[in-house]
Amino acid sequence: MSGHSKWNNIKHKKEKADAAKAKIFTKIGKEMAVAIKAGGPDPNNNSKLRDLIAKAKANNVPNDNIQRTIKKFTDNNDINYEEIVYEGYGPGGVAVIVTAATDNTNRTTPEIRSYFSKYKGNLGTTGCVGYLFEDKGVIMISKEEGYDEDALMEASLESGAEDFNADEDVFEIYTEVSDLNDVRDALEAAGYVIESAEKDKIPSNYVTLESEDDIKNMQKMLDVMEENDDIQNVWHNWNEI
């Protein structure tokens, strides 16, 4: 789940991919369906679909599965998923934004509401926490690739990135959302292997949970949301470290 450490989110999903690859790809497949409906099945002309293909590959989904899914949602116009954004508070006042892709809001909305209430939070109204996050493009490049930090930072900034950060395991490159694809394309053309390139929601502040009960409830809420096939992303401002 996305929070202040998106790299931990990526690693977490990769670990789960070995045990639950089908569930992860079900989520990505729904995002593909929405992207294809909005922009067509050609990733060369549909940047969102291209990003999702990269996301699927980063989660070890075979290319044959990806192509079958694209064909499925291209050929079958009866499959319709609606994108919905939910906002609320987790335990201890943690701000939470959930995005879902569903073919049945009468199923999905009560489920998400129950997750908030069961784990000592509450589902709020649209906009109640959205102002606490800023949309950014975030590109991740693993340090395991052995790239020179100064050279990568220079290439990133010259390509239009607005910020660069070297974390323990990864290089984080931040862009305006509108510049994400251009920066990614420029870095790939320069020979860099992109681990992830996605639109992210960056919190303006973070909440540290002091109570053991709040910590347990927050983690349980994130875990059950991870298991729900309708939920695509969860952003929060919980300072987990």
Protein backbone atom coordinates (compact mmCIF):
# COMPACT_ATOMS: atom_id res chain seq x y z
CA MET A 1 0.00 0.00 0.00
CA SER A 2 1.30 3.39 -0.85
CA GLY A 3 2.45 5.66 1.92
CA HIS A 4 5.56 7.65 2.59
CA SER A 5 7.74 4.76 1.37
CA LYS A 6 6.55 3.70 -2.06
CA TRP A 7 9.61 1.51 -2.56
CA ASN A 8 8.50 -0.63 0.38
CA ASN A 9 5.14 -0.89 -1.38
CA ILE A 10 6.80 -2.13 -4.57
CA LYS A 11 8.91 -4.70 -2.73
CA HIS A 12 5.88 -5.84 -0.76
CA LYS A 13 3.89 -6.41 -3.94
CA LYS A 14 6.79 -8.31 -5.53
CA GLU A 15 7.01 -10.61 -2.52
CA LYS A 16 3.28 -11.23 -2.68
CA ALA A 17 3.52 -11.82 -6.42
CA ASP A 18 5.25 -15.13 -5.82
CA ALA A 19 2.38 -16.34 -3.65
CA ALA A 20 -0.57 -14.49 -5.17
CA LYS A 21 0.35 -13.45 -8.71
CA ALA A 22 -3.16 -14.11 -9.99
CA LYS A 23 -4.75 -11.77 -7.42
CA ILE A 24 -2.31 -8.97 -8.20
CA PHE A 25 -2.88 -9.30 -11.92
CA THR A 26 -6.64 -9.27 -11.40
CA LYS A 27 -6.24 -5.78 -9.97
CA ILE A 28 -3.94 -4.65 -12.79
CA GLY A 29 -6.29 -6.24 -15.33
CA LYS A 30 -9.18 -4.10 -14.11
CA GLU A 31 -7.02 -0.99 -14.45
CA MET A 32 -6.20 -2.11 -17.99
CA ALA A 33 -9.90 -2.44 -18.78
CA VAL A 34 -10.52 1.14 -17.66
CA ALA A 35 -7.47 2.40 -19.57
CA ILE A 36 -8.45 0.58 -22.78
CA LYS A 37 -12.00 1.94 -22.62
CA ALA A 38 -10.65 5.46 -22.20
CA GLY A 39 -7.70 5.41 -24.60
CA GLY A 40 -7.76 2.30 -26.77
CA PRO A 41 -5.70 -0.92 -26.81
CA ASP A 42 -2.48 0.41 -28.37
CA PRO A 43 0.11 1.18 -25.65
CA ASN A 44 2.01 3.38 -28.11
CA ASN A 45 -0.98 5.73 -28.15
CA ASN A 46 -2.22 5.05 -24.62
CA SER A 47 0.32 6.08 -22.00
CA LYS A 48 -1.82 4.79 -19.12
CA LEU A 49 -1.99 1.32 -20.67
CA ARG A 50 1.74 1.43 -21.29
CA ASP A 51 2.34 2.23 -17.63
CA LEU A 52 0.10 -0.66 -16.58
CA ILE A 53 1.97 -3.09 -18.84
CA ALA A 54 5.20 -1.99 -17.16
CA LYS A 55 3.53 -2.39 -13.77
CA ALA A 56 2.43 -5.92 -14.64
CA LYS A 57 5.92 -6.87 -15.79
CA ALA A 58 7.40 -5.43 -12.59
CA ASN A 59 5.10 -7.85 -10.73
CA ASN A 60 6.45 -10.79 -12.76
CA VAL A 61 3.31 -11.24 -14.87
CA PRO A 62 4.18 -13.16 -18.09
CA ASN A 63 3.84 -11.24 -21.34
CA ASP A 64 1.38 -13.82 -22.73
CA ASN A 65 -0.97 -13.10 -19.81
CA ILE A 66 -0.69 -9.38 -20.43
CA GLN A 67 -1.49 -9.71 -24.14
CA ARG A 68 -4.46 -12.02 -23.46
CA THR A 69 -5.88 -9.51 -21.01
CA ILE A 70 -5.53 -6.63 -23.47
CA LYS A 71 -7.28 -8.71 -26.14
CA LYS A 72 -10.03 -9.72 -23.69
CA PHE A 73 -10.92 -6.16 -22.77
CA THR A 74 -10.55 -4.96 -26.36
CA ASP A 75 -12.90 -7.59 -27.78
CA ASN A 76 -15.48 -7.56 -24.98
CA ASN A 77 -17.21 -4.20 -24.71
CA ASP A 78 -19.66 -5.54 -22.13
CA ILE A 79 -17.03 -5.53 -19.37
CA ASN A 80 -17.32 -2.17 -17.66
CA TYR A 81 -15.53 -1.08 -14.53
CA GLU A 82 -16.21 2.20 -12.80
CA GLU A 83 -13.38 4.04 -11.10
CA ILE A 84 -14.29 5.40 -7.67
CA VAL A 85 -12.26 7.34 -5.11
CA TYR A 86 -13.03 6.96 -1.40
CA GLU A 87 -11.62 9.18 1.35
CA GLY A 88 -11.59 8.75 5.08
CA TYR A 89 -9.62 8.42 8.28
CA GLY A 90 -7.94 5.36 9.70
CA PRO A 91 -7.21 4.78 13.38
CA GLY A 92 -5.45 7.64 15.11
CA GLY A 93 -6.48 10.15 12.45
CA VAL A 94 -4.44 8.70 9.57
CA ALA A 95 -5.66 10.16 6.27
CA VAL A 96 -6.57 7.45 3.74
CA ILE A 97 -7.48 7.60 0.05
CA VAL A 98 -8.73 4.45 -1.68
CA THR A 99 -9.19 4.02 -5.43
CA ALA A 100 -11.34 1.18 -6.71
CA ALA A 101 -12.36 -0.25 -10.08
CA THR A 102 -15.65 -2.09 -9.76
CA ASP A 103 -18.55 -3.41 -11.80
CA ASN A 104 -20.82 -3.28 -8.74
CA THR A 105 -20.71 -0.23 -6.46
CA ASN A 106 -23.44 -1.77 -4.30
CA ARG A 107 -20.89 -4.42 -3.36
CA THR A 108 -17.73 -2.36 -3.19
CA THR A 109 -18.86 0.72 -1.25
CA PRO A 110 -20.29 -1.20 1.75
CA GLU A 111 -17.17 -3.36 1.87
CA ILE A 112 -14.86 -0.36 2.01
CA ARG A 113 -17.06 1.36 4.59
CA SER A 114 -16.90 -1.77 6.74
CA TYR A 115 -13.10 -1.85 6.58
CA PHE A 116 -12.89 1.68 7.92
CA SER A 117 -15.38 1.09 10.74
CA LYS A 118 -14.08 -2.35 11.76
CA TYR A 119 -10.58 -1.04 12.27
CA LYS A 120 -11.48 2.12 14.19
CA GLY A 121 -11.60 4.55 11.31
CA ASN A 122 -14.41 6.13 9.35
CA LEU A 123 -15.25 6.62 5.70
CA GLY A 124 -15.67 10.32 4.96
CA THR A 125 -16.93 12.48 2.14
CA THR A 126 -15.16 13.38 -1.09
CA GLY A 127 -12.44 15.93 -0.40
CA CYS A 128 -12.19 15.34 3.34
CA VAL A 129 -8.52 14.29 3.14
CA GLY A 130 -7.63 14.84 -0.51
CA TYR A 131 -6.21 18.28 0.23
CA LEU A 132 -3.51 16.62 2.37
CA PHE A 133 -1.97 14.94 -0.69
CA GLU A 134 -0.29 16.27 -3.82
CA ASP A 135 -0.35 14.39 -7.12
CA LYS A 136 3.14 13.69 -8.46
CA GLY A 137 4.78 11.40 -10.96
CA VAL A 138 7.19 9.04 -9.21
CA ILE A 139 9.82 6.99 -11.03
CA MET A 140 11.71 4.29 -9.16
CA ILE A 141 15.07 2.86 -10.24
CA SER A 142 16.66 0.12 -8.16
CA LYS A 143 20.14 0.71 -6.79
CA GLU A 144 20.84 -2.94 -7.56
CA GLU A 145 21.29 -1.88 -11.19
CA GLY A 146 24.55 -0.19 -10.15
CA TYR A 147 23.95 3.19 -11.77
CA ASP A 148 26.08 6.18 -10.89
CA GLU A 149 24.00 8.44 -8.68
CA ASP A 150 25.33 11.76 -9.99
CA ALA A 151 24.89 10.72 -13.62
CA LEU A 152 21.33 9.52 -13.01
CA MET A 153 20.42 12.68 -11.12
CA GLU A 154 21.79 14.83 -13.94
CA ALA A 155 19.94 12.81 -16.58
CA SER A 156 16.71 13.00 -14.57
CA LEU A 157 16.81 16.75 -14.04
CA GLU A 158 17.79 17.38 -17.67
CA SER A 159 14.80 15.25 -18.73
CA GLY A 160 12.40 17.47 -16.80
CA ALA A 161 12.27 15.91 -13.33
CA GLU A 162 11.72 18.35 -10.49
CA ASP A 163 13.32 16.40 -7.63
CA PHE A 164 15.66 13.46 -7.06
CA ASN A 165 16.18 11.37 -3.94
CA ALA A 166 18.52 8.48 -3.17
CA ASP A 167 16.89 6.14 -0.66
CA GLU A 168 18.50 3.08 0.89
CA ASP A 169 17.52 0.72 -1.92
CA VAL A 170 16.21 2.91 -4.70
CA PHE A 171 16.53 6.17 -6.59
CA GLU A 172 13.28 8.18 -6.46
CA ILE A 173 12.62 10.67 -9.25
CA TYR A 174 9.73 13.09 -8.83
CA THR A 175 7.97 14.88 -11.68
CA GLU A 176 4.85 16.83 -12.38
CA VAL A 177 2.16 14.33 -13.41
CA SER A 178 2.07 15.83 -16.90
CA ASP A 179 5.83 15.25 -17.29
CA LEU A 180 5.94 11.66 -16.02
CA ASN A 181 5.84 9.91 -19.39
CA ASP A 182 8.37 12.25 -21.01
CA VAL A 183 10.88 11.82 -18.17
CA ARG A 184 10.40 8.05 -18.13
CA ASP A 185 10.84 7.82 -21.90
CA ALA A 186 14.00 9.94 -21.78
CA LEU A 187 15.55 7.81 -19.03
CA GLU A 188 14.67 4.58 -20.84
CA ALA A 189 16.19 5.98 -24.04
CA ALA A 190 19.35 6.74 -22.04
CA GLY A 191 19.53 3.06 -21.05
CA TYR A 192 18.11 3.14 -17.53
CA VAL A 193 15.88 0.28 -16.36
CA ILE A 194 12.72 1.66 -14.77
CA GLU A 195 11.38 -0.28 -11.80
CA SER A 196 8.14 1.71 -11.57
CA ALA A 197 6.68 4.87 -13.10
CA GLU A 198 3.30 5.85 -11.70
CA LYS A 199 1.18 8.74 -10.57
CA ASP A 200 1.37 8.90 -6.80
CA LYS A 201 -0.20 10.92 -4.02
CA ILE A 202 2.43 12.46 -1.76
CA PRO A 203 1.28 13.44 1.76
CA SER A 204 2.00 16.97 2.95
CA ASN A 205 2.37 15.70 6.52
CA TYR A 206 2.52 12.39 8.34
CA VAL A 207 0.83 10.83 11.36
CA THR A 208 2.80 8.71 13.83
CA LEU A 209 0.63 6.21 15.68
CA GLU A 210 1.56 5.87 19.34
CA SER A 211 -0.99 3.27 20.42
CA GLU A 212 -0.28 -0.42 19.77
CA ASP A 213 -3.98 -0.92 19.08
CA ASP A 214 -3.96 1.85 16.48
CA ILE A 215 -0.87 0.39 14.80
CA LYS A 216 -2.40 -3.10 14.68
CA ASN A 217 -5.74 -1.80 13.39
CA MET A 218 -4.08 0.32 10.72
CA GLN A 219 -2.02 -2.60 9.46
CA LYS A 220 -5.03 -4.92 9.49
CA MET A 221 -7.08 -2.38 7.54
CA LEU A 222 -4.36 -2.09 4.90
CA ASP A 223 -4.06 -5.88 4.71
CA VAL A 224 -7.77 -6.47 4.09
CA MET A 225 -7.82 -3.69 1.49
CA GLU A 226 -4.87 -5.36 -0.24
CA GLU A 227 -6.90 -8.57 -0.47
CA ASN A 228 -9.94 -6.91 -2.04
CA ASP A 229 -9.87 -7.35 -5.83
CA ASP A 230 -11.86 -4.15 -6.40
CA ILE A 231 -9.33 -1.93 -4.61
CA GLN A 232 -6.54 -0.70 -6.85
CA ASN A 233 -4.55 1.66 -4.64
CA VAL A 234 -4.49 2.90 -1.08
CA TRP A 235 -2.62 6.07 -0.16
CA HIS A 236 -2.12 7.16 3.45
CA ASN A 237 -0.01 9.44 5.58
CA TRP A 238 0.89 6.92 8.28
CA ASN A 239 4.54 7.25 9.23
CA GLU A 240 5.26 3.54 9.51
CA ILE A 241 8.90 3.90 10.52
